[in-house]
PDB file of all heavy atoms in Angstrom:
ATOM      1  N   PHE A   1     -94.004-105.214-167.237  1.00  0.00           N
ATOM      2  CA  PHE A   1     -93.841-103.967-166.636  1.00  0.00           C
ATOM      3  C   PHE A   1     -95.312-103.489-165.978  1.00  0.00           C
ATOM      4  O   PHE A   1     -95.337-103.063-164.857  1.00  0.00           O
ATOM      5  CB  PHE A   1     -93.476-102.989-167.625  1.00  0.00           C
ATOM      6  CG  PHE A   1     -91.924-102.855-167.784  1.00  0.00           C
ATOM      7  CD1 PHE A   1     -91.198-103.810-167.331  1.00  0.00           C
ATOM      8  CD2 PHE A   1     -91.444-101.742-168.297  1.00  0.00           C
ATOM      9  CE1 PHE A   1     -89.864-103.716-167.556  1.00  0.00           C
ATOM     10  CE2 PHE A   1     -90.031-101.578-168.529  1.00  0.00           C
ATOM     11  CZ  PHE A   1     -89.194-102.620-168.173  1.00  0.00           C
ATOM     12  N   ASN A   2     -96.296-103.946-166.699  1.00  0.00           N
ATOM     13  CA  ASN A   2     -97.702-103.580-166.214  1.00  0.00           C
ATOM     14  C   ASN A   2     -98.018-104.204-164.906  1.00  0.00           C
ATOM     15  O   ASN A   2     -98.661-103.669-164.064  1.00  0.00           O
ATOM     16  CB  ASN A   2     -98.679-103.725-167.447  1.00  0.00           C
ATOM     17  CG  ASN A   2     -98.637-102.663-168.507  1.00  0.00           C
ATOM     18  OD1 ASN A   2     -98.093-101.699-168.174  1.00  0.00           O
ATOM     19  ND2 ASN A   2     -99.095-102.994-169.748  1.00  0.00           N
ATOM     20  N   VAL A   3     -97.720-105.406-164.792  1.00  0.00           N
ATOM     21  CA  VAL A   3     -98.081-106.185-163.645  1.00  0.00           C
ATOM     22  C   VAL A   3     -97.148-105.798-162.380  1.00  0.00           C
ATOM     23  O   VAL A   3     -97.595-105.576-161.285  1.00  0.00           O
ATOM     24  CB  VAL A   3     -98.003-107.720-163.732  1.00  0.00           C
ATOM     25  CG1 VAL A   3     -99.114-108.264-164.817  1.00  0.00           C
ATOM     26  CG2 VAL A   3     -96.742-108.339-164.104  1.00  0.00           C
ATOM     27  N   LEU A   4     -95.878-105.432-162.928  1.00  0.00           N
ATOM     28  CA  LEU A   4     -94.938-104.990-161.864  1.00  0.00           C
ATOM     29  C   LEU A   4     -95.364-103.529-161.261  1.00  0.00           C
ATOM     30  O   LEU A   4     -95.096-103.285-160.069  1.00  0.00           O
ATOM     31  CB  LEU A   4     -93.503-104.928-162.449  1.00  0.00           C
ATOM     32  CG  LEU A   4     -92.341-104.542-161.603  1.00  0.00           C
ATOM     33  CD1 LEU A   4     -92.318-105.282-160.238  1.00  0.00           C
ATOM     34  CD2 LEU A   4     -91.072-104.706-162.429  1.00  0.00           C
ATOM     35  N   SER A   5     -95.811-102.807-162.081  1.00  0.00           N
ATOM     36  CA  SER A   5     -96.094-101.266-161.748  1.00  0.00           C
ATOM     37  C   SER A   5     -97.635-101.122-161.302  1.00  0.00           C
ATOM     38  O   SER A   5     -97.987-100.142-160.964  1.00  0.00           O
ATOM     39  CB  SER A   5     -95.753-100.326-162.809  1.00  0.00           C
ATOM     40  OG  SER A   5     -96.536-100.676-164.014  1.00  0.00           O
ATOM     41  N   GLY A   6     -98.390-102.197-161.211  1.00  0.00           N
ATOM     42  CA  GLY A   6     -99.753-102.140-160.687  1.00  0.00           C
ATOM     43  C   GLY A   6    -100.763-101.810-161.645  1.00  0.00           C
ATOM     44  O   GLY A   6    -101.845-101.542-161.297  1.00  0.00           O
ATOM     45  N   VAL A   7    -100.418-101.700-162.909  1.00  0.00           N
ATOM     46  CA  VAL A   7    -101.453-101.427-164.001  1.00  0.00           C
ATOM     47  C   VAL A   7    -102.436-102.690-164.021  1.00  0.00           C
ATOM     48  O   VAL A   7    -103.692-102.508-164.228  1.00  0.00           O
ATOM     49  CB  VAL A   7    -100.804-101.107-165.305  1.00  0.00           C
ATOM     50  CG1 VAL A   7    -101.874-100.982-166.452  1.00  0.00           C
ATOM     51  CG2 VAL A   7     -99.901 -99.907-165.313  1.00  0.00           C
ATOM     52  N   TYR A   8    -101.787-103.878-164.029  1.00  0.00           N
ATOM     53  CA  TYR A   8    -102.649-105.064-164.010  1.00  0.00           C
ATOM     54  C   TYR A   8    -102.243-105.787-162.640  1.00  0.00           C
ATOM     55  O   TYR A   8    -101.286-105.739-162.236  1.00  0.00           O
ATOM     56  CB  TYR A   8    -102.291-105.968-165.228  1.00  0.00           C
ATOM     57  CG  TYR A   8    -102.412-105.469-166.495  1.00  0.00           C
ATOM     58  CD1 TYR A   8    -101.518-105.754-167.503  1.00  0.00           C
ATOM     59  CD2 TYR A   8    -103.535-104.586-166.825  1.00  0.00           C
ATOM     60  CE1 TYR A   8    -101.642-105.191-168.781  1.00  0.00           C
ATOM     61  CE2 TYR A   8    -103.709-104.118-168.122  1.00  0.00           C
ATOM     62  CZ  TYR A   8    -102.702-104.417-169.135  1.00  0.00           C
ATOM     63  OH  TYR A   8    -102.935-103.883-170.296  1.00  0.00           O
ATOM     64  N   ILE A   9    -103.401-106.597-162.210  1.00  0.00           N
ATOM     65  CA  ILE A   9    -103.131-107.537-161.213  1.00  0.00           C
ATOM     66  C   ILE A   9    -102.922-108.923-161.771  1.00  0.00           C
ATOM     67  O   ILE A   9    -103.762-109.353-162.568  1.00  0.00           O
ATOM     68  CB  ILE A   9    -104.321-107.582-160.287  1.00  0.00           C
ATOM     69  CG1 ILE A   9    -104.580-106.226-159.445  1.00  0.00           C
ATOM     70  CG2 ILE A   9    -104.203-108.664-159.152  1.00  0.00           C
ATOM     71  CD1 ILE A   9    -105.837-106.176-158.681  1.00  0.00           C
ATOM     72  N   PRO A  10    -101.732-109.539-161.613  1.00  0.00           N
ATOM     73  CA  PRO A  10    -101.480-110.911-162.161  1.00  0.00           C
ATOM     74  C   PRO A  10    -102.589-111.917-161.865  1.00  0.00           C
ATOM     75  O   PRO A  10    -103.065-111.923-160.761  1.00  0.00           O
ATOM     76  CB  PRO A  10    -100.200-111.221-161.552  1.00  0.00           C
ATOM     77  CG  PRO A  10     -99.978-110.438-160.467  1.00  0.00           C
ATOM     78  CD  PRO A  10    -100.702-109.216-160.552  1.00  0.00           C
ATOM     79  N   THR A  11    -102.850-112.781-162.775  1.00  0.00           N
ATOM     80  CA  THR A  11    -103.707-113.837-162.512  1.00  0.00           C
ATOM     81  C   THR A  11    -103.301-114.795-161.558  1.00  0.00           C
ATOM     82  O   THR A  11    -104.099-115.404-160.747  1.00  0.00           O
ATOM     83  CB  THR A  11    -103.983-114.612-163.944  1.00  0.00           C
ATOM     84  OG1 THR A  11    -104.331-113.664-164.952  1.00  0.00           O
ATOM     85  CG2 THR A  11    -105.064-115.680-163.814  1.00  0.00           C
ATOM     86  N   SER A  12    -102.060-115.121-161.421  1.00  0.00           N
ATOM     87  CA  SER A  12    -101.468-116.063-160.371  1.00  0.00           C
ATOM     88  C   SER A  12     -99.927-115.672-160.285  1.00  0.00           C
ATOM     89  O   SER A  12     -99.387-114.971-161.087  1.00  0.00           O
ATOM     90  CB  SER A  12    -101.748-117.494-160.900  1.00  0.00           C
ATOM     91  OG  SER A  12    -100.985-117.848-162.190  1.00  0.00           O
ATOM     92  N   GLY A  13     -99.330-116.291-159.321  1.00  0.00           N
ATOM     93  CA  GLY A  13     -98.035-116.180-158.932  1.00  0.00           C
ATOM     94  C   GLY A  13     -97.775-114.951-157.942  1.00  0.00           C
ATOM     95  O   GLY A  13     -98.782-114.294-157.528  1.00  0.00           O
ATOM     96  N   ASP A  14     -96.508-114.818-157.623  1.00  0.00           N
ATOM     97  CA  ASP A  14     -96.184-113.791-156.690  1.00  0.00           C
ATOM     98  C   ASP A  14     -95.053-112.889-157.204  1.00  0.00           C
ATOM     99  O   ASP A  14     -94.182-113.299-157.850  1.00  0.00           O
ATOM    100  CB  ASP A  14     -95.624-114.347-155.339  1.00  0.00           C
ATOM    101  CG  ASP A  14     -96.763-115.141-154.526  1.00  0.00           C
ATOM    102  OD1 ASP A  14     -97.803-114.505-154.382  1.00  0.00           O
ATOM    103  OD2 ASP A  14     -96.522-116.181-154.057  1.00  0.00           O
ATOM    104  N   ILE A  15     -95.118-111.579-156.848  1.00  0.00           N
ATOM    105  CA  ILE A  15     -94.143-110.565-157.227  1.00  0.00           C
ATOM    106  C   ILE A  15     -93.736-110.071-155.981  1.00  0.00           C
ATOM    107  O   ILE A  15     -94.541-109.464-155.048  1.00  0.00           O
ATOM    108  CB  ILE A  15     -94.703-109.434-158.083  1.00  0.00           C
ATOM    109  CG1 ILE A  15     -95.380-109.929-159.354  1.00  0.00           C
ATOM    110  CG2 ILE A  15     -93.633-108.372-158.419  1.00  0.00           C
ATOM    111  CD1 ILE A  15     -96.037-108.836-160.273  1.00  0.00           C
ATOM    112  N   VAL A  16     -92.463-110.093-155.565  1.00  0.00           N
ATOM    113  CA  VAL A  16     -91.985-109.659-154.277  1.00  0.00           C
ATOM    114  C   VAL A  16     -90.860-108.667-154.540  1.00  0.00           C
ATOM    115  O   VAL A  16     -89.874-108.797-155.288  1.00  0.00           O
ATOM    116  CB  VAL A  16     -91.229-110.782-153.514  1.00  0.00           C
ATOM    117  CG1 VAL A  16     -90.688-110.429-152.173  1.00  0.00           C
ATOM    118  CG2 VAL A  16     -92.260-111.924-153.285  1.00  0.00           C
ATOM    119  N   PHE A  17     -91.062-107.540-154.005  1.00  0.00           N
ATOM    120  CA  PHE A  17     -90.091-106.319-154.043  1.00  0.00           C
ATOM    121  C   PHE A  17     -89.692-105.856-152.753  1.00  0.00           C
ATOM    122  O   PHE A  17     -90.457-105.530-151.779  1.00  0.00           O
ATOM    123  CB  PHE A  17     -90.860-105.179-154.818  1.00  0.00           C
ATOM    124  CG  PHE A  17     -89.992-103.950-154.858  1.00  0.00           C
ATOM    125  CD1 PHE A  17     -88.779-103.888-155.607  1.00  0.00           C
ATOM    126  CD2 PHE A  17     -90.386-102.760-154.293  1.00  0.00           C
ATOM    127  CE1 PHE A  17     -88.136-102.767-155.641  1.00  0.00           C
ATOM    128  CE2 PHE A  17     -89.765-101.671-154.275  1.00  0.00           C
ATOM    129  CZ  PHE A  17     -88.483-101.609-155.037  1.00  0.00           C
ATOM    130  N   ASN A  18     -88.324-105.822-152.501  1.00  0.00           N
ATOM    131  CA  ASN A  18     -87.756-105.555-151.272  1.00  0.00           C
ATOM    132  C   ASN A  18     -88.304-106.244-150.121  1.00  0.00           C
ATOM    133  O   ASN A  18     -88.567-105.922-149.073  1.00  0.00           O
ATOM    134  CB  ASN A  18     -87.826-104.037-151.029  1.00  0.00           C
ATOM    135  CG  ASN A  18     -86.781-103.218-151.599  1.00  0.00           C
ATOM    136  OD1 ASN A  18     -85.634-103.701-151.965  1.00  0.00           O
ATOM    137  ND2 ASN A  18     -86.974-101.973-151.851  1.00  0.00           N
ATOM    138  N   GLY A  19     -88.581-107.607-150.445  1.00  0.00           N
ATOM    139  CA  GLY A  19     -89.051-108.536-149.361  1.00  0.00           C
ATOM    140  C   GLY A  19     -90.463-108.474-149.178  1.00  0.00           C
ATOM    141  O   GLY A  19     -90.980-109.218-148.201  1.00  0.00           O
ATOM    142  N   LYS A  20     -91.278-107.680-149.827  1.00  0.00           N
ATOM    143  CA  LYS A  20     -92.664-107.627-149.609  1.00  0.00           C
ATOM    144  C   LYS A  20     -93.462-107.953-150.950  1.00  0.00           C
ATOM    145  O   LYS A  20     -93.147-107.550-152.034  1.00  0.00           O
ATOM    146  CB  LYS A  20     -93.034-106.113-149.274  1.00  0.00           C
ATOM    147  CG  LYS A  20     -92.442-105.802-147.876  1.00  0.00           C
ATOM    148  CD  LYS A  20     -92.906-104.319-147.491  1.00  0.00           C
ATOM    149  CE  LYS A  20     -92.257-103.940-146.132  1.00  0.00           C
ATOM    150  NZ  LYS A  20     -92.648-102.374-145.895  1.00  0.00           N
ATOM    151  N   ARG A  21     -94.528-108.726-150.769  1.00  0.00           N
ATOM    152  CA  ARG A  21     -95.357-109.112-151.771  1.00  0.00           C
ATOM    153  C   ARG A  21     -96.255-107.842-152.242  1.00  0.00           C
ATOM    154  O   ARG A  21     -96.808-107.239-151.498  1.00  0.00           O
ATOM    155  CB  ARG A  21     -96.407-110.169-151.384  1.00  0.00           C
ATOM    156  CG  ARG A  21     -97.099-110.784-152.507  1.00  0.00           C
ATOM    157  CD  ARG A  21     -98.009-111.973-151.915  1.00  0.00           C
ATOM    158  NE  ARG A  21     -98.748-112.665-152.883  1.00  0.00           N
ATOM    159  CZ  ARG A  21    -100.082-112.364-153.225  1.00  0.00           C
ATOM    160  NH1 ARG A  21    -100.616-111.338-152.546  1.00  0.00           N
ATOM    161  NH2 ARG A  21    -100.713-113.066-154.055  1.00  0.00           N
ATOM    162  N   ILE A  22     -96.190-107.517-153.580  1.00  0.00           N
ATOM    163  CA  ILE A  22     -96.921-106.483-154.118  1.00  0.00           C
ATOM    164  C   ILE A  22     -97.904-106.694-155.084  1.00  0.00           C
ATOM    165  O   ILE A  22     -98.451-105.702-155.739  1.00  0.00           O
ATOM    166  CB  ILE A  22     -95.778-105.256-154.745  1.00  0.00           C
ATOM    167  CG1 ILE A  22     -95.099-105.961-155.981  1.00  0.00           C
ATOM    168  CG2 ILE A  22     -94.838-104.943-153.659  1.00  0.00           C
ATOM    169  CD1 ILE A  22     -94.328-104.892-156.695  1.00  0.00           C
ATOM    170  N   ASN A  23     -98.379-107.867-155.332  1.00  0.00           N
ATOM    171  CA  ASN A  23     -99.268-108.369-156.317  1.00  0.00           C
ATOM    172  C   ASN A  23    -100.623-107.434-156.435  1.00  0.00           C
ATOM    173  O   ASN A  23    -100.890-107.012-157.479  1.00  0.00           O
ATOM    174  CB  ASN A  23     -99.665-109.666-156.062  1.00  0.00           C
ATOM    175  CG  ASN A  23     -98.631-110.675-156.312  1.00  0.00           C
ATOM    176  OD1 ASN A  23     -97.508-110.523-155.759  1.00  0.00           O
ATOM    177  ND2 ASN A  23     -99.013-111.765-156.919  1.00  0.00           N
ATOM    178  N   ASN A  24    -101.099-107.065-155.232  1.00  0.00           N
ATOM    179  CA  ASN A  24    -102.426-106.614-155.241  1.00  0.00           C
ATOM    180  C   ASN A  24    -102.394-105.135-154.772  1.00  0.00           C
ATOM    181  O   ASN A  24    -103.465-104.536-154.469  1.00  0.00           O
ATOM    182  CB  ASN A  24    -103.393-107.328-154.374  1.00  0.00           C
ATOM    183  CG  ASN A  24    -103.586-108.755-154.773  1.00  0.00           C
ATOM    184  OD1 ASN A  24    -103.801-109.078-155.898  1.00  0.00           O
ATOM    185  ND2 ASN A  24    -103.387-109.762-153.814  1.00  0.00           N
ATOM    186  N   LEU A  25    -101.246-104.503-154.771  1.00  0.00           N
ATOM    187  CA  LEU A  25    -101.199-103.098-154.372  1.00  0.00           C
ATOM    188  C   LEU A  25    -101.459-102.218-155.568  1.00  0.00           C
ATOM    189  O   LEU A  25    -101.196-102.431-156.666  1.00  0.00           O
ATOM    190  CB  LEU A  25     -99.651-102.733-153.927  1.00  0.00           C
ATOM    191  CG  LEU A  25     -99.221-103.590-152.680  1.00  0.00           C
ATOM    192  CD1 LEU A  25     -97.865-103.082-152.349  1.00  0.00           C
ATOM    193  CD2 LEU A  25    -100.203-103.402-151.455  1.00  0.00           C
ATOM    194  N   PRO A  26    -102.114-101.000-155.252  1.00  0.00           N
ATOM    195  CA  PRO A  26    -102.465-100.063-156.282  1.00  0.00           C
ATOM    196  C   PRO A  26    -101.202 -99.410-156.779  1.00  0.00           C
ATOM    197  O   PRO A  26    -100.199 -99.407-156.156  1.00  0.00           O
ATOM    198  CB  PRO A  26    -103.371 -99.070-155.470  1.00  0.00           C
ATOM    199  CG  PRO A  26    -103.132 -99.170-154.091  1.00  0.00           C
ATOM    200  CD  PRO A  26    -102.670-100.654-153.874  1.00  0.00           C
ATOM    201  N   ALA A  27    -101.380 -98.850-158.024  1.00  0.00           N
ATOM    202  CA  ALA A  27    -100.154 -98.338-158.700  1.00  0.00           C
ATOM    203  C   ALA A  27     -99.430 -97.270-157.926  1.00  0.00           C
ATOM    204  O   ALA A  27     -98.253 -97.189-157.776  1.00  0.00           O
ATOM    205  CB  ALA A  27    -100.548 -97.655-159.999  1.00  0.00           C
ATOM    206  N   HIS A  28    -100.204 -96.335-157.291  1.00  0.00           N
ATOM    207  CA  HIS A  28     -99.542 -95.324-156.515  1.00  0.00           C
ATOM    208  C   HIS A  28     -98.749 -95.780-155.324  1.00  0.00           C
ATOM    209  O   HIS A  28     -97.671 -95.206-154.905  1.00  0.00           O
ATOM    210  CB  HIS A  28    -100.540 -94.206-156.048  1.00  0.00           C
ATOM    211  CG  HIS A  28    -101.510 -94.698-154.912  1.00  0.00           C
ATOM    212  ND1 HIS A  28    -102.740 -95.212-155.267  1.00  0.00           N
ATOM    213  CD2 HIS A  28    -101.449 -94.637-153.657  1.00  0.00           C
ATOM    214  CE1 HIS A  28    -103.256 -95.527-154.113  1.00  0.00           C
ATOM    215  NE2 HIS A  28    -102.636 -95.083-153.132  1.00  0.00           N
ATOM    216  N   THR A  29     -99.187 -96.915-154.626  1.00  0.00           N
ATOM    217  CA  THR A  29     -98.603 -97.488-153.614  1.00  0.00           C
ATOM    218  C   THR A  29     -97.268 -98.023-153.987  1.00  0.00           C
ATOM    219  O   THR A  29     -96.210 -98.018-153.372  1.00  0.00           O
ATOM    220  CB  THR A  29     -99.452 -98.534-152.763  1.00  0.00           C
ATOM    221  OG1 THR A  29    -100.583 -97.814-152.417  1.00  0.00           O
ATOM    222  CG2 THR A  29     -98.708 -99.043-151.630  1.00  0.00           C
ATOM    223  N   ILE A  30     -97.297 -98.714-155.156  1.00  0.00           N
ATOM    224  CA  ILE A  30     -96.124 -99.494-155.750  1.00  0.00           C
ATOM    225  C   ILE A  30     -95.047 -98.330-156.065  1.00  0.00           C
ATOM    226  O   ILE A  30     -93.874 -98.507-155.736  1.00  0.00           O
ATOM    227  CB  ILE A  30     -96.426-100.203-156.913  1.00  0.00           C
ATOM    228  CG1 ILE A  30     -97.247-101.475-156.498  1.00  0.00           C
ATOM    229  CG2 ILE A  30     -95.223-100.633-157.683  1.00  0.00           C
ATOM    230  CD1 ILE A  30     -97.869-102.352-157.632  1.00  0.00           C
TER     231      ILE A  30
END
C-alpha cells in the first residue's frame, strides 16, 4: 500500500495505474 500510494518509492519494478507508470509520483499526485 505504501509504494502504491506514494509513501515509498519502490527500489525496482514498475507500478502501472490506468495505463500510466506511477512509481516516482508524489503522494498527492497519486
